Protein backbone atom coordinates (compact mmCIF):
# COMPACT_ATOMS: atom_id res chain seq x y z
CA MET A 1 8.85 -18.66 10.89
CA ALA A 2 5.20 -17.58 10.57
CA SER A 3 5.18 -16.60 14.26
CA PHE A 4 8.25 -14.39 13.81
CA LEU A 5 6.65 -12.76 10.77
CA LEU A 6 3.50 -12.08 12.80
CA PHE A 7 5.68 -10.33 15.40
CA VAL A 8 7.16 -8.15 12.63
CA ILE A 9 3.67 -7.32 11.36
CA TYR A 10 2.59 -6.31 14.87
CA ILE A 11 5.60 -3.98 15.14
CA ALA A 12 4.76 -2.51 11.72
CA PHE A 13 1.24 -1.72 12.97
CA ILE A 14 2.72 0.21 15.89
CA GLY A 15 4.44 2.28 13.20
CA LEU A 16 1.12 2.77 11.42
CA GLY A 17 -0.43 4.24 14.57
CA LEU A 18 2.56 6.36 15.55
CA PRO A 19 1.93 9.36 13.24
CA ASP A 20 -1.87 9.29 13.61
CA SER A 21 -2.04 10.92 17.04
CA LEU A 22 1.23 12.88 16.81
CA PHE A 23 -0.01 15.79 14.73
CA GLY A 24 -3.15 16.42 16.77
CA THR A 25 -1.15 16.42 19.99
CA ALA A 26 1.54 18.70 18.59
CA TRP A 27 -0.76 21.11 16.73
CA PRO A 28 -1.32 23.59 19.61
CA ALA A 29 2.43 24.16 19.76
CA ILE A 30 2.79 24.19 15.96
CA TYR A 31 0.14 26.81 15.24
CA SER A 32 1.56 28.95 18.04
CA ASP A 33 5.06 28.75 16.52
CA PHE A 34 3.81 29.51 13.00
CA ALA A 35 1.29 32.17 14.13
CA LEU A 36 -1.58 30.36 12.40
CA PRO A 37 -5.33 30.14 13.10
CA ILE A 38 -6.21 26.99 15.02
CA SER A 39 -8.52 25.79 12.20
CA TYR A 40 -5.61 25.44 9.74
CA GLY A 41 -4.75 22.09 11.28
CA SER A 42 -7.66 20.58 9.36
CA PHE A 43 -5.86 21.38 6.07
CA ILE A 44 -3.00 19.08 7.00
CA SER A 45 -5.10 16.30 8.51
CA SER A 46 -7.44 16.36 5.49
CA THR A 47 -4.46 16.13 3.12
CA VAL A 48 -3.19 13.08 5.01
CA ALA A 49 -6.64 11.48 4.86
CA CYS A 50 -6.99 12.16 1.12
CA GLY A 51 -3.57 10.64 0.48
CA THR A 52 -4.57 7.59 2.48
CA ILE A 53 -7.82 7.18 0.55
CA ILE A 54 -6.01 7.42 -2.80
CA SER A 55 -3.35 4.94 -1.67
CA SER A 56 -5.98 2.50 -0.36
CA LEU A 57 -7.76 2.51 -3.71
CA THR A 58 -4.62 2.10 -5.83
CA SER A 59 -2.27 -0.08 -3.79
CA THR A 60 -3.73 -3.47 -4.77
CA ARG A 61 -1.79 -3.64 -8.04
CA LEU A 62 1.39 -2.58 -6.26
CA ILE A 63 0.94 -5.31 -3.65
CA HIS A 64 0.29 -7.87 -6.38
CA LYS A 65 3.46 -6.82 -8.22
CA LEU A 66 5.95 -6.29 -5.36
CA GLY A 67 4.48 -8.36 -2.53
CA THR A 68 3.23 -7.37 0.91
CA GLY A 69 6.68 -7.29 2.53
CA LYS A 70 8.27 -4.84 0.10
CA VAL A 71 5.22 -2.56 -0.02
CA THR A 72 5.09 -2.42 3.78
CA ALA A 73 8.83 -1.78 4.15
CA PHE A 74 8.99 0.99 1.52
CA SER A 75 5.76 2.59 2.77
CA THR A 76 7.04 2.66 6.36
CA LEU A 77 10.26 4.28 5.13
CA LEU A 78 8.12 6.83 3.25
CA THR A 79 6.23 7.74 6.43
CA ALA A 80 9.53 8.00 8.33
CA ALA A 81 10.83 10.48 5.73
CA ALA A 82 7.65 12.53 6.12
CA LEU A 83 8.04 12.61 9.92
CA ILE A 84 11.61 13.92 9.81
CA GLY A 85 10.47 16.46 7.22
CA PHE A 86 7.75 17.69 9.59
CA SER A 87 10.38 18.29 12.27
CA PHE A 88 12.27 20.71 9.99
CA SER A 89 9.20 22.47 8.58
CA SER A 90 9.04 26.24 8.85
CA ASN A 91 5.57 26.81 7.39
CA ILE A 92 2.25 25.09 6.82
CA TRP A 93 2.76 24.73 3.07
CA PHE A 94 5.77 22.45 3.53
CA MET A 95 3.78 20.43 6.08
CA MET A 96 0.92 20.02 3.59
CA LEU A 97 3.42 18.81 0.98
CA LEU A 98 4.80 16.25 3.45
CA ALA A 99 1.27 15.18 4.39
CA VAL A 100 0.91 13.62 0.93
CA PRO A 101 3.62 10.91 1.34
CA LEU A 102 2.53 10.41 4.94
CA GLY A 103 -1.00 9.57 3.78
CA LEU A 104 0.11 7.51 0.79
CA GLY A 105 2.42 5.40 2.96
CA ALA A 106 -0.20 4.84 5.67
CA GLY A 107 -2.84 3.68 3.19
CA ALA A 108 -0.53 1.14 1.57
CA ILE A 109 0.53 -0.27 4.96
CA ASP A 110 -3.09 -0.54 6.10
CA VAL A 111 -4.32 -2.40 3.02
CA SER A 112 -1.34 -4.74 2.66
CA LEU A 113 -1.12 -5.86 6.29
CA ASN A 114 -4.86 -6.18 6.87
CA ASN A 115 -5.20 -8.33 3.77
CA TYR A 116 -2.16 -10.45 4.66
CA VAL A 117 -3.33 -11.16 8.20
CA ALA A 118 -6.89 -11.89 7.00
CA LEU A 119 -5.51 -14.42 4.52
CA HIS A 120 -2.82 -16.16 6.57
CA TYR A 121 -3.74 -15.81 10.24
CA SER A 122 -6.77 -16.17 12.50
CA ALA A 123 -9.40 -13.72 13.73
CA LYS A 124 -7.54 -13.68 17.04
CA GLN A 125 -4.39 -12.37 15.38
CA MET A 126 -6.42 -9.77 13.46
CA SER A 127 -7.86 -8.37 16.70
CA PHE A 128 -4.44 -8.34 18.38
CA LEU A 129 -3.01 -6.60 15.29
CA HIS A 130 -5.31 -3.65 15.88
CA CYS A 131 -4.37 -3.62 19.57
CA PHE A 132 -0.82 -2.86 18.45
CA TYR A 133 -2.14 0.03 16.39
CA GLY A 134 -3.59 1.32 19.67
CA ILE A 135 -0.11 1.10 21.22
CA GLY A 136 1.29 3.24 18.40
CA VAL A 137 -1.47 5.82 18.80
CA SER A 138 -0.81 5.98 22.56
CA VAL A 139 2.99 6.23 22.31
CA SER A 140 3.10 9.49 20.32
CA PRO A 141 1.35 11.74 22.88
CA TYR A 142 3.51 10.24 25.63
CA ILE A 143 6.73 10.97 23.69
CA LEU A 144 5.58 14.50 22.98
CA SER A 145 4.70 15.13 26.63
CA LEU A 146 8.31 14.33 27.59
CA VAL A 147 9.99 16.70 25.13
CA ILE A 148 7.55 19.48 24.25
CA SER A 149 8.79 21.78 27.00
CA GLY A 150 12.42 21.31 25.93
CA GLU A 151 14.61 23.36 23.63
CA ASN A 152 13.19 22.19 20.30
CA GLY A 153 9.73 21.40 21.63
CA TRP A 154 7.39 19.55 19.28
CA ARG A 155 10.17 19.15 16.68
CA ASN A 156 12.02 16.73 18.99
CA GLY A 157 8.81 14.72 19.30
CA TYR A 158 8.73 14.29 15.54
CA ARG A 159 12.44 13.40 15.47
CA ILE A 160 12.00 10.69 18.08
CA ALA A 161 8.99 9.35 16.17
CA PHE A 162 11.14 9.36 13.01
CA LEU A 163 13.84 7.28 14.72
CA ILE A 164 11.25 4.74 15.88
CA GLN A 165 9.70 4.60 12.41
CA LEU A 166 13.12 4.27 10.79
CA ALA A 167 13.98 1.36 13.10
CA ILE A 168 10.69 -0.34 12.18
CA SER A 169 11.45 0.21 8.50
CA ILE A 170 14.91 -1.36 8.89
CA LEU A 171 13.34 -4.35 10.66
CA LEU A 172 10.90 -4.75 7.78
CA PHE A 173 13.66 -4.65 5.15
CA LEU A 174 15.70 -7.20 7.13
CA SER A 175 12.65 -9.47 7.35
CA LEU A 176 12.05 -9.58 3.57
CA PRO A 177 13.63 -13.07 3.21
CA VAL A 178 11.21 -14.32 5.86
CA TRP A 179 8.25 -12.96 3.87
CA LYS A 180 9.49 -14.92 0.84
CA LYS A 181 9.84 -18.18 2.77
CA VAL A 182 6.42 -17.88 4.38
CA SER A 183 4.82 -16.95 1.05
CA LYS A 184 6.36 -19.98 -0.67
CA ALA A 185 5.07 -22.26 2.08
CA ALA A 186 1.60 -20.72 1.82
CA SER A 187 1.50 -21.09 -1.97
CA ILE A 188 2.28 -24.80 -1.68
CA THR A 189 -0.51 -25.47 0.77
CA GLU A 190 -3.43 -23.13 0.28
CA THR A 191 -3.55 -19.71 -1.34
CA PRO A 192 -5.18 -19.34 -4.80
CA GLU A 193 -3.80 -16.87 -7.31
CA GLU A 194 -4.96 -13.36 -6.49
CA LYS A 195 -7.01 -11.31 -8.93
CA THR A 196 -6.58 -7.57 -9.28
CA LEU A 197 -10.00 -6.06 -9.88
CA THR A 198 -10.96 -2.54 -10.85
CA ILE A 199 -12.92 -0.44 -8.37
CA ARG A 200 -16.05 -0.82 -10.50
CA ASP A 201 -15.73 -4.60 -10.72
CA THR A 202 -15.10 -4.87 -6.98
CA LEU A 203 -18.19 -2.80 -6.16
CA ARG A 204 -20.27 -5.12 -8.35
CA ILE A 205 -19.57 -8.05 -6.02
CA PRO A 206 -22.70 -8.58 -3.90
CA GLY A 207 -22.16 -7.38 -0.34
CA VAL A 208 -19.08 -5.21 -0.96
CA LYS A 209 -21.01 -1.94 -0.84
CA SER A 210 -22.62 -2.93 2.47
CA MET A 211 -19.28 -3.86 4.02
CA CYS A 212 -17.74 -0.57 2.83
CA ALA A 213 -20.64 1.26 4.48
CA LEU A 214 -19.91 -0.56 7.75
CA PHE A 215 -16.29 0.59 7.66
CA PHE A 216 -17.43 4.15 7.04
CA LEU A 217 -19.86 4.01 9.98
CA THR A 218 -17.59 2.38 12.57
CA CYS A 219 -14.79 4.86 11.80
CA ALA A 220 -17.20 7.81 11.77
CA ILE A 221 -18.35 6.83 15.28
CA GLU A 222 -14.77 6.26 16.48
CA CYS A 223 -13.37 9.57 15.24
CA SER A 224 -16.43 11.66 16.08
CA CYS A 225 -16.14 10.48 19.69
CA SER A 226 -12.40 11.13 19.88
CA GLY A 227 -12.69 14.47 18.07
CA TRP A 228 -15.80 15.98 19.65
CA GLY A 229 -16.35 13.97 22.83
CA SER A 230 -14.39 16.39 25.02
CA THR A 231 -16.35 19.39 23.73
CA TYR A 232 -19.65 17.66 24.47
CA LEU A 233 -18.54 16.68 27.97
CA VAL A 234 -17.40 20.20 28.80
CA GLU A 235 -20.47 21.94 27.39
CA TYR A 236 -23.24 19.53 28.40
CA LYS A 237 -21.85 17.39 31.23
CA ASN A 238 -20.22 20.34 33.05
CA MET A 239 -16.79 18.73 33.15
CA THR A 240 -13.56 20.68 33.24
CA ALA A 241 -11.26 20.38 30.22
CA GLU A 242 -8.90 18.19 32.25
CA GLN A 243 -11.71 15.84 33.32
CA ALA A 244 -12.98 15.58 29.74
CA ALA A 245 -9.49 14.74 28.47
CA SER A 246 -9.27 11.94 31.06
CA VAL A 247 -12.61 10.54 29.89
CA ILE A 248 -11.44 10.46 26.26
CA LEU A 249 -8.31 8.62 27.37
CA PHE A 250 -10.67 6.19 29.11
CA TYR A 251 -12.50 5.84 25.79
CA PHE A 252 -9.28 4.74 24.07
CA VAL A 253 -8.61 2.28 26.89
CA GLY A 254 -12.07 0.81 26.27
CA MET A 255 -11.29 0.48 22.56
CA ALA A 256 -8.00 -1.31 23.19
CA LEU A 257 -9.67 -3.58 25.77
CA GLY A 258 -12.46 -4.40 23.32
CA ARG A 259 -9.98 -5.48 20.68
CA PHE A 260 -7.97 -7.49 23.18
CA LEU A 261 -11.07 -9.31 24.43
CA SER A 262 -12.12 -9.93 20.83
CA GLY A 263 -8.80 -11.70 20.29
CA VAL A 264 -9.25 -13.76 23.45
CA ILE A 265 -12.69 -15.09 22.44
CA ALA A 266 -12.01 -15.36 18.69
CA ASP A 267 -11.24 -19.10 18.95
CA ARG A 268 -14.68 -19.70 20.49
CA LEU A 269 -16.92 -17.34 18.55
CA HIS A 270 -17.21 -16.52 14.85
CA SER A 271 -16.51 -12.95 13.77
CA TRP A 272 -20.20 -12.26 13.12
CA LYS A 273 -21.04 -13.22 16.72
CA ILE A 274 -18.28 -10.97 18.07
CA ILE A 275 -19.63 -8.16 15.89
CA ALA A 276 -23.12 -8.75 17.32
CA LEU A 277 -21.78 -8.61 20.90
CA GLY A 278 -19.90 -5.43 20.10
CA GLU A 279 -23.00 -3.80 18.67
CA TYR A 280 -25.05 -4.79 21.76
CA VAL A 281 -22.51 -3.04 23.99
CA LEU A 282 -22.31 -0.08 21.61
CA GLY A 283 -26.09 0.25 21.55
CA ALA A 284 -26.32 0.37 25.33
CA ALA A 285 -23.47 2.88 25.39
CA VAL A 286 -24.96 5.37 22.92
CA LEU A 287 -28.27 5.30 24.79
CA LEU A 288 -26.44 5.90 28.07
CA LEU A 289 -24.62 8.81 26.45
CA ALA A 290 -27.95 10.53 25.76
CA VAL A 291 -29.30 10.06 29.29
CA PRO A 292 -29.21 13.24 31.42
CA GLY A 293 -27.33 12.65 34.63
CA PRO A 294 -24.08 12.99 36.53
CA ALA A 295 -20.71 13.18 34.83
CA PHE A 296 -19.73 9.59 35.66
CA LEU A 297 -22.52 8.34 33.35
CA GLY A 298 -20.87 10.19 30.48
CA ALA A 299 -17.51 8.64 31.37
CA ALA A 300 -19.05 5.16 31.50
CA ALA A 301 -20.78 5.75 28.16
CA PHE A 302 -17.53 6.71 26.39
CA PHE A 303 -15.70 3.72 27.86
CA MET A 304 -18.48 1.40 26.63
CA ILE A 305 -18.50 3.01 23.18
CA GLY A 306 -14.81 2.20 22.88
CA LEU A 307 -15.37 -1.30 24.27
CA GLY A 308 -18.20 -2.06 21.84
CA ASN A 309 -16.94 -0.32 18.72
CA GLY A 310 -13.31 -1.39 19.11
CA PRO A 311 -13.73 -5.03 17.96
CA LEU A 312 -15.83 -4.16 14.90
CA PHE A 313 -13.08 -2.90 12.56
CA PRO A 314 -10.76 -5.94 12.85
CA ASN A 315 -13.65 -8.42 12.60
CA PHE A 316 -15.18 -6.70 9.58
CA ASN A 317 -11.72 -6.92 8.00
CA TYR A 318 -11.22 -10.58 8.82
CA LEU A 319 -14.46 -11.49 7.04
CA ALA A 320 -13.24 -10.33 3.60
CA PRO A 321 -11.52 -13.57 2.42
CA GLU A 322 -14.29 -15.72 3.90
CA SER A 323 -17.11 -13.64 2.43
CA PHE A 324 -15.70 -12.77 -1.00
CA GLY A 325 -12.89 -15.28 -1.61
CA GLN A 326 -9.15 -15.17 -1.05
CA ASP A 327 -8.49 -14.39 -4.72
CA VAL A 328 -10.21 -10.98 -4.54
CA SER A 329 -9.74 -10.11 -0.88
CA ALA A 330 -6.98 -7.55 -1.56
CA SER A 331 -9.25 -5.60 -3.94
CA VAL A 332 -12.12 -5.73 -1.44
CA ILE A 333 -9.97 -4.69 1.53
CA SER A 334 -8.52 -1.76 -0.42
CA LEU A 335 -12.06 -0.41 -0.90
CA GLN A 336 -12.89 -1.11 2.73
CA MET A 337 -9.83 0.84 3.90
CA ALA A 338 -10.73 3.74 1.61
CA SER A 339 -14.25 3.73 3.05
CA ALA A 340 -12.82 3.72 6.57
CA TYR A 341 -10.70 6.79 5.86
CA ILE A 342 -13.64 8.55 4.23
CA GLY A 343 -15.49 7.95 7.51
CA ILE A 344 -12.48 9.28 9.45
CA LEU A 345 -12.46 12.39 7.26
CA PHE A 346 -16.16 13.21 6.96
CA GLY A 347 -17.70 11.73 10.12
CA PRO A 348 -16.15 14.26 12.53
CA LEU A 349 -16.51 17.04 9.95
CA LEU A 350 -20.29 16.59 9.74
CA CYS A 351 -20.50 16.31 13.53
CA GLY A 352 -18.61 19.58 13.90
CA LEU A 353 -20.81 21.38 11.38
CA LEU A 354 -23.96 20.20 13.14
CA GLY A 355 -22.54 21.18 16.51
CA GLN A 356 -21.53 24.60 15.28
CA ASN A 357 -24.94 25.37 13.77
CA LEU A 358 -27.29 23.59 16.19
CA GLY A 359 -25.22 23.22 19.37
CA MET A 360 -23.21 20.29 20.74
CA PHE A 361 -26.35 18.84 22.36
CA ILE A 362 -26.67 17.18 18.93
CA PHE A 363 -23.62 14.97 19.61
CA PRO A 364 -25.36 11.93 21.20
CA ILE A 365 -28.19 12.15 18.63
CA TYR A 366 -25.61 12.10 15.84
CA ILE A 367 -23.88 9.03 17.31
CA ILE A 368 -27.25 7.27 17.76
CA CYS A 369 -28.09 7.91 14.09
CA LEU A 370 -24.75 6.46 12.97
CA PHE A 371 -25.31 3.44 15.22
CA ALA A 372 -28.84 2.86 13.87
CA ALA A 373 -27.47 2.94 10.31
CA MET A 374 -24.77 0.47 11.36
CA VAL A 375 -27.25 -2.03 12.82
CA ALA A 376 -29.45 -1.89 9.72
CA THR A 377 -26.45 -2.26 7.39
CA THR A 378 -25.02 -5.15 9.43
CA ALA A 379 -28.30 -7.07 9.18
CA SER A 380 -28.52 -6.40 5.44
CA ALA A 381 -24.89 -7.38 4.80
CA ARG A 382 -25.10 -10.59 6.79
CA LYS A 383 -28.29 -11.69 5.04
CA LEU A 384 -26.88 -10.87 1.61
CA LEU A 385 -23.55 -12.61 2.20
CA LYS A 386 -25.25 -15.75 3.50
CA THR A 387 -27.20 -16.15 0.26
CA THR A 388 -24.62 -15.09 -2.33
CA HIS A 389 -21.15 -16.18 -1.15
CA ARG A 390 -19.44 -19.39 -0.21
């Protein structure tokens, strides 16, 4: 029963990733259809991110009241409704309105499933969970590439994504009895009663602020590389736009591989050791990125950044119940998810501002600074958690 539920959770995480790469891939066609400036896309993506942050911070009480299964099912249905709405949009204002439920649904799914897997499954399953997110992120551009030249163009891409998301939502609603059975079995054997803490009370727990900072930093590195890596490669590694796009795809492959390998070795190594290995690889990668040389060095650096940074997010997440206790893990993870989305929102934004004003040569220096902050924060968090938590 628990294995079947894990399968359902994996499918739900494909649905979480599905909308994340769809808008960015479709935007060139959208702004052309609507006769908009290219920069207006940031209004929609920022609205989604803000909705996700708000949802991450407020969903703990909802999860405590309704349960993980219902919150995930309704939130997935909410994102499906937003996707079909996007496909019928005729202006940017309607898209911005739909971006609100899209962000709210995504945040609730992220918090509820990450907390559930951290509580009831192993570090291996947590790493594999985030591999399935990578599948969802990869599927959207592929779908769009098949239909964008057709009669309805990008709108058909959104409609196909809606059908997939609707099917996932139906699966989640049908699986609700399974959630109840598994939850009853878990309550008999292990899980203490959960506490719903305020944001202020959660931040007062020793180590929470450090872990939130780590989520901000790993996501800032991830999204700065995916958002600005191509520009850096074209301007400073003399690649063509097509070559740079291939390298960024290689970067995502490295990320997925890193999370897969993390799952493979999770039975042998503790999450902190996997995090240390990831940071060693990431450190070598960011230094390689700054080294002048042929284009293949840049490609290798991006692959290694994905490989090293990829395992960090799921392993940071898995540590929450162990570090802070199962009774408050949902409150902690909600803050961690909010911090992650703040990193997703502001990390690339700051990188872009620096690049615009100083030049994109600043890109590897920016990534090195984020990495240095990550290493220092990891050391501080690990030391603090060893002395203050069970």
